[in-house]
Amino acid sequence: MSSVVLYRAEDGKLAGMGDRGQRQFSKFKRAIEALPVGATLQFDYRLPRSPKHHRLFFAKLRELHARQETFDTEDDLRMWLLVGAGYCHFIPGTDGQLVAVPQSMDWVTLEEADFLEVHRRVDAFMWEPRARRVLWPHLGDERSYWAVDCWRLEFEKR
């Protein structure tokens, strides 16, 4: 499958990124122009993830990890949050019971629109009492609510 990275050049037109990208884009344009009436052409596209949004998500994760009392590593916390947010699939465990496995948040495969949805779902999960009880088991529901609210406010200031 062919792949090309496009950008809008200073003249306002689309261009391929680099020499190779320019050749691939030219080939793509020729294929479109040569397309006979009634013929079809399929192509896929991917909108890249916003580096700023990516950094925000992981900054929030680091800060939450520093504030919570249950998870030893940020990776464990992230996987738990993804499962809690429903961004997972289920496989049979060694005892035959279903086990939730978090899906990948890989930069290349998870485009921005999907990443936004995962971020929204993780934030929503944080407000659920079941999440707060795991993160701060010694706090009651009201105090753990305020713990999440303080964490949220930290990022509204930025």
C-alpha atoms as a PDB file:
ATOM      1  CA  MET A   1       0.000   0.000   0.000  1.00  0.00           C
ATOM      2  CA  SER A   2       1.323   3.433  -0.882  1.00  0.00           C
ATOM      3  CA  SER A   3       1.610   6.107   1.750  1.00  0.00           C
ATOM      4  CA  VAL A   4       2.359   9.811   1.545  1.00  0.00           C
ATOM      5  CA  VAL A   5       2.583  12.602   4.108  1.00  0.00           C
ATOM      6  CA  LEU A   6       1.047  15.845   2.842  1.00  0.00           C
ATOM      7  CA  TYR A   7       1.307  19.401   4.064  1.00  0.00           C
ATOM      8  CA  ARG A   8       0.040  22.753   2.862  1.00  0.00           C
ATOM      9  CA  ALA A   9       2.933  24.618   1.235  1.00  0.00           C
ATOM     10  CA  GLU A  10       3.449  28.377   1.452  1.00  0.00           C
ATOM     11  CA  ASP A  11       1.667  28.804  -1.896  1.00  0.00           C
ATOM     12  CA  GLY A  12      -1.444  27.285  -0.294  1.00  0.00           C
ATOM     13  CA  LYS A  13      -1.287  24.049  -2.303  1.00  0.00           C
ATOM     14  CA  LEU A  14      -0.871  20.540  -0.979  1.00  0.00           C
ATOM     15  CA  ALA A  15       2.614  19.070  -1.369  1.00  0.00           C
ATOM     16  CA  GLY A  16       4.331  15.830  -0.463  1.00  0.00           C
ATOM     17  CA  MET A  17       6.748  15.961   2.467  1.00  0.00           C
ATOM     18  CA  GLY A  18      10.304  15.643   1.137  1.00  0.00           C
ATOM     19  CA  ASP A  19      11.463  14.402  -2.266  1.00  0.00           C
ATOM     20  CA  ARG A  20      10.013  10.927  -1.827  1.00  0.00           C
ATOM     21  CA  GLY A  21       6.712  12.356  -0.591  1.00  0.00           C
ATOM     22  CA  GLN A  22       6.549  14.715  -3.547  1.00  0.00           C
ATOM     23  CA  ARG A  23       7.017  11.775  -5.955  1.00  0.00           C
ATOM     24  CA  GLN A  24       4.335   9.746  -4.156  1.00  0.00           C
ATOM     25  CA  PHE A  25       1.907  12.672  -4.205  1.00  0.00           C
ATOM     26  CA  SER A  26       2.521  13.223  -7.931  1.00  0.00           C
ATOM     27  CA  LYS A  27       1.810   9.543  -8.554  1.00  0.00           C
ATOM     28  CA  PHE A  28      -1.412   9.808  -6.522  1.00  0.00           C
ATOM     29  CA  LYS A  29      -2.559  12.905  -8.442  1.00  0.00           C
ATOM     30  CA  ARG A  30      -1.852  11.157 -11.776  1.00  0.00           C
ATOM     31  CA  ALA A  31      -3.927   8.166 -10.652  1.00  0.00           C
ATOM     32  CA  ILE A  32      -6.841  10.481  -9.819  1.00  0.00           C
ATOM     33  CA  GLU A  33      -6.583  12.394 -13.095  1.00  0.00           C
ATOM     34  CA  ALA A  34      -6.411   9.149 -15.115  1.00  0.00           C
ATOM     35  CA  LEU A  35      -9.425   7.649 -13.382  1.00  0.00           C
ATOM     36  CA  PRO A  36     -12.045   6.751 -16.012  1.00  0.00           C
ATOM     37  CA  VAL A  37     -15.649   7.839 -15.548  1.00  0.00           C
ATOM     38  CA  GLY A  38     -17.436   5.371 -13.275  1.00  0.00           C
ATOM     39  CA  ALA A  39     -14.215   3.865 -11.904  1.00  0.00           C
ATOM     40  CA  THR A  40     -13.448   3.978  -8.204  1.00  0.00           C
ATOM     41  CA  LEU A  41     -10.340   4.674  -6.200  1.00  0.00           C
ATOM     42  CA  GLN A  42     -10.045   3.976  -2.502  1.00  0.00           C
ATOM     43  CA  PHE A  43      -7.639   5.729  -0.178  1.00  0.00           C
ATOM     44  CA  ASP A  44      -7.294   5.971   3.565  1.00  0.00           C
ATOM     45  CA  TYR A  45      -6.125   8.982   5.496  1.00  0.00           C
ATOM     46  CA  ARG A  46      -5.095   9.628   9.050  1.00  0.00           C
ATOM     47  CA  LEU A  47      -5.093  12.891  10.933  1.00  0.00           C
ATOM     48  CA  PRO A  48      -1.987  13.035  13.110  1.00  0.00           C
ATOM     49  CA  ARG A  49      -2.239  13.380  16.840  1.00  0.00           C
ATOM     50  CA  SER A  50      -1.684  16.826  18.283  1.00  0.00           C
ATOM     51  CA  PRO A  51       1.667  16.889  20.114  1.00  0.00           C
ATOM     52  CA  LYS A  52       0.261  19.529  22.483  1.00  0.00           C
ATOM     53  CA  HIS A  53      -2.744  17.361  23.377  1.00  0.00           C
ATOM     54  CA  HIS A  54      -0.518  14.285  23.724  1.00  0.00           C
ATOM     55  CA  ARG A  55       1.744  16.161  26.177  1.00  0.00           C
ATOM     56  CA  LEU A  56      -1.280  17.387  28.157  1.00  0.00           C
ATOM     57  CA  PHE A  57      -2.667  13.868  28.559  1.00  0.00           C
ATOM     58  CA  PHE A  58       0.646  12.484  29.796  1.00  0.00           C
ATOM     59  CA  ALA A  59       1.277  15.502  32.062  1.00  0.00           C
ATOM     60  CA  LYS A  60      -2.118  14.847  33.664  1.00  0.00           C
ATOM     61  CA  LEU A  61      -1.192  11.182  34.033  1.00  0.00           C
ATOM     62  CA  ARG A  62       2.142  12.039  35.709  1.00  0.00           C
ATOM     63  CA  GLU A  63       0.447  14.455  38.106  1.00  0.00           C
ATOM     64  CA  LEU A  64      -2.295  11.961  38.955  1.00  0.00           C
ATOM     65  CA  HIS A  65       0.325   9.283  39.596  1.00  0.00           C
ATOM     66  CA  ALA A  66       2.083  11.614  42.028  1.00  0.00           C
ATOM     67  CA  ARG A  67      -1.189  12.269  43.898  1.00  0.00           C
ATOM     68  CA  GLN A  68      -2.633   8.746  44.130  1.00  0.00           C
ATOM     69  CA  GLU A  69      -1.693   5.932  46.521  1.00  0.00           C
ATOM     70  CA  THR A  70      -2.360   2.671  44.701  1.00  0.00           C
ATOM     71  CA  PHE A  71      -0.198   2.307  41.587  1.00  0.00           C
ATOM     72  CA  ASP A  72       3.586   2.033  41.693  1.00  0.00           C
ATOM     73  CA  THR A  73       4.169   3.010  38.064  1.00  0.00           C
ATOM     74  CA  GLU A  74       2.616   5.447  35.632  1.00  0.00           C
ATOM     75  CA  ASP A  75       2.243   2.599  33.132  1.00  0.00           C
ATOM     76  CA  ASP A  76       0.141   0.571  35.565  1.00  0.00           C
ATOM     77  CA  LEU A  77      -2.001   3.626  36.295  1.00  0.00           C
ATOM     78  CA  ARG A  78      -2.432   4.366  32.575  1.00  0.00           C
ATOM     79  CA  MET A  79      -3.467   0.777  31.810  1.00  0.00           C
ATOM     80  CA  TRP A  80      -5.968   0.795  34.686  1.00  0.00           C
ATOM     81  CA  LEU A  81      -7.416   4.130  33.524  1.00  0.00           C
ATOM     82  CA  LEU A  82      -7.799   2.835  29.963  1.00  0.00           C
ATOM     83  CA  VAL A  83      -9.630  -0.261  31.179  1.00  0.00           C
ATOM     84  CA  GLY A  84     -11.827   1.864  33.458  1.00  0.00           C
ATOM     85  CA  ALA A  85     -12.608   4.154  30.533  1.00  0.00           C
ATOM     86  CA  GLY A  86     -13.628   1.133  28.460  1.00  0.00           C
ATOM     87  CA  TYR A  87     -10.728   1.464  26.025  1.00  0.00           C
ATOM     88  CA  CYS A  88      -9.930  -2.237  26.162  1.00  0.00           C
ATOM     89  CA  HIS A  89     -10.788  -5.611  24.759  1.00  0.00           C
ATOM     90  CA  PHE A  90     -11.422  -8.853  26.592  1.00  0.00           C
ATOM     91  CA  ILE A  91      -9.599 -12.155  26.323  1.00  0.00           C
ATOM     92  CA  PRO A  92     -10.001 -15.375  28.287  1.00  0.00           C
ATOM     93  CA  GLY A  93      -7.670 -15.552  31.279  1.00  0.00           C
ATOM     94  CA  THR A  94      -5.861 -18.671  32.413  1.00  0.00           C
ATOM     95  CA  ASP A  95      -8.903 -19.626  34.486  1.00  0.00           C
ATOM     96  CA  GLY A  96     -11.299 -19.085  31.568  1.00  0.00           C
ATOM     97  CA  GLN A  97     -12.693 -15.830  32.979  1.00  0.00           C
ATOM     98  CA  LEU A  98     -12.564 -12.764  30.764  1.00  0.00           C
ATOM     99  CA  VAL A  99      -9.714 -10.356  31.435  1.00  0.00           C
ATOM    100  CA  ALA A 100      -9.697  -6.726  30.257  1.00  0.00           C
ATOM    101  CA  VAL A 101      -6.616  -5.786  28.229  1.00  0.00           C
ATOM    102  CA  PRO A 102      -6.084  -2.074  27.526  1.00  0.00           C
ATOM    103  CA  GLN A 103      -5.828  -1.130  23.873  1.00  0.00           C
ATOM    104  CA  SER A 104      -2.722   0.539  22.511  1.00  0.00           C
ATOM    105  CA  MET A 105      -2.412   4.325  22.526  1.00  0.00           C
ATOM    106  CA  ASP A 106       0.457   4.140  20.048  1.00  0.00           C
ATOM    107  CA  TRP A 107       1.200   7.544  18.469  1.00  0.00           C
ATOM    108  CA  VAL A 108       1.078   6.185  14.915  1.00  0.00           C
ATOM    109  CA  THR A 109      -2.089   4.111  15.096  1.00  0.00           C
ATOM    110  CA  LEU A 110      -4.353   6.190  17.365  1.00  0.00           C
ATOM    111  CA  GLU A 111      -5.251   9.336  15.485  1.00  0.00           C
ATOM    112  CA  GLU A 112      -6.289  12.604  17.131  1.00  0.00           C
ATOM    113  CA  ALA A 113     -10.077  12.183  16.996  1.00  0.00           C
ATOM    114  CA  ASP A 114      -9.857   8.786  18.695  1.00  0.00           C
ATOM    115  CA  PHE A 115      -7.267  10.068  21.176  1.00  0.00           C
ATOM    116  CA  LEU A 116      -9.615  12.921  22.129  1.00  0.00           C
ATOM    117  CA  GLU A 117     -12.362  10.405  22.844  1.00  0.00           C
ATOM    118  CA  VAL A 118     -10.060   8.234  24.975  1.00  0.00           C
ATOM    119  CA  HIS A 119      -8.940  11.331  26.905  1.00  0.00           C
ATOM    120  CA  ARG A 120     -12.564  12.377  27.471  1.00  0.00           C
ATOM    121  CA  ARG A 121     -13.505   8.887  28.687  1.00  0.00           C
ATOM    122  CA  VAL A 122     -10.521   8.714  31.057  1.00  0.00           C
ATOM    123  CA  ASP A 123     -11.458  12.103  32.518  1.00  0.00           C
ATOM    124  CA  ALA A 124     -15.072  10.949  32.963  1.00  0.00           C
ATOM    125  CA  PHE A 125     -13.933   7.715  34.633  1.00  0.00           C
ATOM    126  CA  MET A 126     -11.921   9.710  37.185  1.00  0.00           C
ATOM    127  CA  TRP A 127     -15.133  11.215  38.575  1.00  0.00           C
ATOM    128  CA  GLU A 128     -16.739   7.827  39.210  1.00  0.00           C
ATOM    129  CA  PRO A 129     -16.744   6.754  42.875  1.00  0.00           C
ATOM    130  CA  ARG A 130     -15.348   3.321  41.947  1.00  0.00           C
ATOM    131  CA  ALA A 131     -12.257   4.968  40.411  1.00  0.00           C
ATOM    132  CA  ARG A 132     -11.771   7.350  43.321  1.00  0.00           C
ATOM    133  CA  ARG A 133     -12.070   4.503  45.844  1.00  0.00           C
ATOM    134  CA  VAL A 134      -9.229   2.637  44.147  1.00  0.00           C
ATOM    135  CA  LEU A 135      -6.947   5.667  43.856  1.00  0.00           C
ATOM    136  CA  TRP A 136      -7.541   6.949  47.403  1.00  0.00           C
ATOM    137  CA  PRO A 137      -8.826   3.993  49.440  1.00  0.00           C
ATOM    138  CA  HIS A 138      -8.495   5.779  52.803  1.00  0.00           C
ATOM    139  CA  LEU A 139     -10.527   8.836  51.719  1.00  0.00           C
ATOM    140  CA  GLY A 140     -14.288   8.913  51.720  1.00  0.00           C
ATOM    141  CA  ASP A 141     -16.287   9.724  48.608  1.00  0.00           C
ATOM    142  CA  GLU A 142     -16.471  13.449  49.359  1.00  0.00           C
ATOM    143  CA  ARG A 143     -12.742  13.882  50.002  1.00  0.00           C
ATOM    144  CA  SER A 144     -11.787  11.793  46.971  1.00  0.00           C
ATOM    145  CA  TYR A 145     -14.138  13.945  44.878  1.00  0.00           C
ATOM    146  CA  TRP A 146     -12.171  17.007  45.996  1.00  0.00           C
ATOM    147  CA  ALA A 147      -8.904  15.213  45.221  1.00  0.00           C
ATOM    148  CA  VAL A 148     -10.055  14.765  41.617  1.00  0.00           C
ATOM    149  CA  ASP A 149     -11.312  18.334  41.481  1.00  0.00           C
ATOM    150  CA  CYS A 150      -7.957  19.720  42.689  1.00  0.00           C
ATOM    151  CA  TRP A 151      -6.183  17.596  40.068  1.00  0.00           C
ATOM    152  CA  ARG A 152      -8.549  18.913  37.373  1.00  0.00           C
ATOM    153  CA  LEU A 153      -8.078  22.527  38.459  1.00  0.00           C
ATOM    154  CA  GLU A 154      -4.314  22.139  38.207  1.00  0.00           C
ATOM    155  CA  PHE A 155      -4.694  21.674  34.454  1.00  0.00           C
ATOM    156  CA  GLU A 156      -7.309  24.357  33.914  1.00  0.00           C
ATOM    157  CA  LYS A 157      -4.729  26.906  35.079  1.00  0.00           C
ATOM    158  CA  ARG A 158      -2.308  25.870  32.321  1.00  0.00           C
END
